Amino acid sequence: MIQVTRKDSNEANENLIRRFSRKVLQSGIIATAKAGQRFSKPVSKIERRRKAIVRKARKSEKLMKARLGLR
């Protein structure tokens, strides 16, 4: 946890918040948290093949409907 203390009693709150924000950015806590949000598990080879088969089936079905004039 990052802690920032007042330098003196006259220090403005804005300066305190600015120093805290700078320390948080420099520590990289936010960057690692965002990287964790964007992480997605890699798709296996079998799953990629299954998705490709489904894609091809849908594409051929769409072409058949277009040829028959259904859509």
N, C-alpha and C. Protein backbone atom coordinates (compact mmCIF):
# COMPACT_ATOMS: atom_id res chain seq x y z
N MET A 1 0.84 -1.18 0.00
CA MET A 1 0.00 0.00 0.00
C MET A 1 0.89 1.24 0.00
N ILE A 2 0.53 2.19 -0.80
CA ILE A 2 1.30 3.43 -0.91
C ILE A 2 0.76 4.43 0.10
N GLN A 3 1.66 5.02 0.87
CA GLN A 3 1.27 6.01 1.86
C GLN A 3 2.00 7.31 1.58
N VAL A 4 1.25 8.39 1.66
CA VAL A 4 1.82 9.72 1.47
C VAL A 4 1.42 10.55 2.68
N THR A 5 2.39 11.18 3.31
CA THR A 5 2.11 12.03 4.47
C THR A 5 2.30 13.49 4.10
N ARG A 6 1.65 14.33 4.87
CA ARG A 6 1.78 15.77 4.63
C ARG A 6 3.20 16.22 4.97
N LYS A 7 3.75 17.08 4.12
CA LYS A 7 5.09 17.62 4.38
C LYS A 7 5.04 18.60 5.55
N ASP A 8 4.00 19.42 5.56
CA ASP A 8 3.78 20.32 6.69
C ASP A 8 2.28 20.58 6.80
N SER A 9 1.87 21.28 7.82
CA SER A 9 0.44 21.48 8.04
C SER A 9 -0.19 22.42 7.02
N ASN A 10 0.62 23.19 6.30
CA ASN A 10 0.10 24.14 5.32
C ASN A 10 -0.01 23.56 3.92
N GLU A 11 0.38 22.30 3.73
CA GLU A 11 0.34 21.72 2.38
C GLU A 11 -1.11 21.54 1.92
N ALA A 12 -1.38 21.93 0.70
CA ALA A 12 -2.73 21.84 0.15
C ALA A 12 -3.09 20.39 -0.16
N ASN A 13 -4.38 20.11 -0.10
CA ASN A 13 -4.86 18.75 -0.39
C ASN A 13 -4.56 18.34 -1.83
N GLU A 14 -4.63 19.29 -2.75
CA GLU A 14 -4.37 19.00 -4.16
C GLU A 14 -2.95 18.47 -4.35
N ASN A 15 -2.00 19.09 -3.65
CA ASN A 15 -0.60 18.64 -3.76
C ASN A 15 -0.43 17.24 -3.20
N LEU A 16 -1.12 16.95 -2.11
CA LEU A 16 -1.06 15.63 -1.50
C LEU A 16 -1.62 14.57 -2.45
N ILE A 17 -2.75 14.88 -3.07
CA ILE A 17 -3.36 13.96 -4.02
C ILE A 17 -2.47 13.78 -5.24
N ARG A 18 -1.85 14.87 -5.71
CA ARG A 18 -0.96 14.80 -6.86
C ARG A 18 0.24 13.89 -6.57
N ARG A 19 0.85 14.04 -5.39
CA ARG A 19 1.98 13.18 -5.04
C ARG A 19 1.56 11.72 -4.92
N PHE A 20 0.38 11.48 -4.35
CA PHE A 20 -0.12 10.11 -4.23
C PHE A 20 -0.34 9.50 -5.61
N SER A 21 -0.98 10.24 -6.50
CA SER A 21 -1.26 9.75 -7.85
C SER A 21 0.04 9.43 -8.58
N ARG A 22 1.03 10.29 -8.44
CA ARG A 22 2.32 10.06 -9.10
C ARG A 22 2.98 8.79 -8.59
N LYS A 23 2.93 8.57 -7.27
CA LYS A 23 3.53 7.37 -6.70
C LYS A 23 2.80 6.11 -7.16
N VAL A 24 1.49 6.18 -7.27
CA VAL A 24 0.71 5.03 -7.74
C VAL A 24 1.08 4.71 -9.18
N LEU A 25 1.18 5.73 -10.02
CA LEU A 25 1.55 5.50 -11.42
C LEU A 25 2.95 4.92 -11.54
N GLN A 26 3.88 5.43 -10.76
CA GLN A 26 5.26 4.96 -10.84
C GLN A 26 5.41 3.54 -10.32
N SER A 27 4.56 3.14 -9.37
CA SER A 27 4.68 1.79 -8.82
C SER A 27 4.17 0.74 -9.80
N GLY A 28 3.28 1.12 -10.71
CA GLY A 28 2.78 0.17 -11.71
C GLY A 28 1.62 -0.68 -11.23
N ILE A 29 1.01 -0.32 -10.12
CA ILE A 29 -0.11 -1.11 -9.58
C ILE A 29 -1.29 -1.09 -10.55
N ILE A 30 -1.61 0.07 -11.07
CA ILE A 30 -2.75 0.19 -11.97
C ILE A 30 -2.50 -0.57 -13.26
N ALA A 31 -1.29 -0.50 -13.78
CA ALA A 31 -0.96 -1.18 -15.04
C ALA A 31 -1.11 -2.69 -14.89
N THR A 32 -0.65 -3.24 -13.77
CA THR A 32 -0.78 -4.69 -13.58
C THR A 32 -2.23 -5.09 -13.40
N ALA A 33 -3.02 -4.26 -12.74
CA ALA A 33 -4.44 -4.57 -12.55
C ALA A 33 -5.17 -4.56 -13.89
N LYS A 34 -4.88 -3.58 -14.74
CA LYS A 34 -5.53 -3.52 -16.05
C LYS A 34 -5.08 -4.66 -16.94
N ALA A 35 -3.82 -5.06 -16.83
CA ALA A 35 -3.33 -6.19 -17.62
C ALA A 35 -4.06 -7.46 -17.22
N GLY A 36 -4.35 -7.60 -15.94
CA GLY A 36 -5.09 -8.77 -15.47
C GLY A 36 -6.52 -8.78 -15.98
N GLN A 37 -7.11 -7.62 -16.16
CA GLN A 37 -8.47 -7.55 -16.69
C GLN A 37 -8.52 -7.96 -18.15
N ARG A 38 -7.48 -7.61 -18.90
CA ARG A 38 -7.48 -7.90 -20.34
C ARG A 38 -7.00 -9.30 -20.66
N PHE A 39 -6.48 -10.03 -19.68
CA PHE A 39 -5.94 -11.36 -19.94
C PHE A 39 -7.06 -12.31 -20.32
N SER A 40 -6.83 -13.07 -21.37
CA SER A 40 -7.77 -14.11 -21.75
C SER A 40 -6.99 -15.38 -22.00
N LYS A 41 -7.57 -16.47 -21.59
CA LYS A 41 -6.90 -17.75 -21.69
C LYS A 41 -6.74 -18.11 -23.17
N PRO A 42 -5.58 -18.62 -23.57
CA PRO A 42 -5.39 -18.99 -24.97
C PRO A 42 -6.32 -20.13 -25.37
N VAL A 43 -6.84 -20.05 -26.59
CA VAL A 43 -7.77 -21.05 -27.09
C VAL A 43 -6.98 -22.25 -27.58
N SER A 44 -7.45 -23.45 -27.22
CA SER A 44 -6.73 -24.65 -27.60
C SER A 44 -6.88 -24.91 -29.11
N LYS A 45 -6.01 -25.76 -29.62
CA LYS A 45 -6.01 -26.08 -31.04
C LYS A 45 -7.31 -26.76 -31.45
N ILE A 46 -7.80 -27.65 -30.61
CA ILE A 46 -9.05 -28.36 -30.91
C ILE A 46 -10.21 -27.38 -30.97
N GLU A 47 -10.25 -26.45 -30.02
CA GLU A 47 -11.34 -25.48 -29.99
C GLU A 47 -11.29 -24.57 -31.21
N ARG A 48 -10.09 -24.17 -31.65
CA ARG A 48 -9.97 -23.36 -32.87
C ARG A 48 -10.51 -24.11 -34.07
N ARG A 49 -10.19 -25.40 -34.16
CA ARG A 49 -10.68 -26.21 -35.28
C ARG A 49 -12.20 -26.31 -35.26
N ARG A 50 -12.78 -26.52 -34.08
CA ARG A 50 -14.24 -26.60 -33.96
C ARG A 50 -14.89 -25.30 -34.41
N LYS A 51 -14.31 -24.18 -33.99
CA LYS A 51 -14.87 -22.88 -34.38
C LYS A 51 -14.76 -22.67 -35.89
N ALA A 52 -13.66 -23.13 -36.49
CA ALA A 52 -13.48 -23.00 -37.93
C ALA A 52 -14.52 -23.83 -38.67
N ILE A 53 -14.80 -25.03 -38.18
CA ILE A 53 -15.81 -25.89 -38.81
C ILE A 53 -17.18 -25.22 -38.75
N VAL A 54 -17.52 -24.66 -37.60
CA VAL A 54 -18.81 -23.98 -37.45
C VAL A 54 -18.88 -22.77 -38.38
N ARG A 55 -17.77 -22.01 -38.48
CA ARG A 55 -17.74 -20.85 -39.37
C ARG A 55 -17.98 -21.25 -40.81
N LYS A 56 -17.30 -22.31 -41.25
CA LYS A 56 -17.47 -22.77 -42.63
C LYS A 56 -18.89 -23.23 -42.89
N ALA A 57 -19.48 -23.93 -41.92
CA ALA A 57 -20.86 -24.41 -42.08
C ALA A 57 -21.82 -23.23 -42.19
N ARG A 58 -21.66 -22.23 -41.35
CA ARG A 58 -22.54 -21.06 -41.41
C ARG A 58 -22.37 -20.31 -42.72
N LYS A 59 -21.13 -20.20 -43.18
CA LYS A 59 -20.88 -19.49 -44.43
C LYS A 59 -21.52 -20.21 -45.60
N SER A 60 -21.38 -21.53 -45.64
CA SER A 60 -21.97 -22.28 -46.75
C SER A 60 -23.49 -22.22 -46.69
N GLU A 61 -24.05 -22.25 -45.48
CA GLU A 61 -25.50 -22.15 -45.33
C GLU A 61 -25.99 -20.78 -45.81
N LYS A 62 -25.25 -19.74 -45.50
CA LYS A 62 -25.61 -18.39 -45.92
C LYS A 62 -25.55 -18.26 -47.44
N LEU A 63 -24.52 -18.86 -48.06
CA LEU A 63 -24.41 -18.83 -49.51
C LEU A 63 -25.55 -19.58 -50.18
N MET A 64 -25.92 -20.74 -49.61
CA MET A 64 -27.04 -21.51 -50.18
C MET A 64 -28.33 -20.71 -50.13
N LYS A 65 -28.59 -20.05 -49.01
CA LYS A 65 -29.80 -19.24 -48.89
C LYS A 65 -29.78 -18.09 -49.89
N ALA A 66 -28.61 -17.50 -50.10
CA ALA A 66 -28.50 -16.39 -51.06
C ALA A 66 -28.76 -16.89 -52.47
N ARG A 67 -28.27 -18.08 -52.79
CA ARG A 67 -28.49 -18.64 -54.13
C ARG A 67 -29.96 -18.98 -54.36
N LEU A 68 -30.62 -19.44 -53.31
CA LEU A 68 -32.03 -19.79 -53.43
C LEU A 68 -32.93 -18.57 -53.34
N GLY A 69 -32.37 -17.45 -52.94
CA GLY A 69 -33.13 -16.21 -52.85
C GLY A 69 -33.95 -16.09 -51.58
N LEU A 70 -33.57 -16.82 -50.57
CA LEU A 70 -34.31 -16.76 -49.32
C LEU A 70 -33.93 -15.54 -48.48
N ARG A 71 -32.72 -15.09 -48.63
CA ARG A 71 -32.28 -13.90 -47.89
C ARG A 71 -31.20 -13.21 -48.60
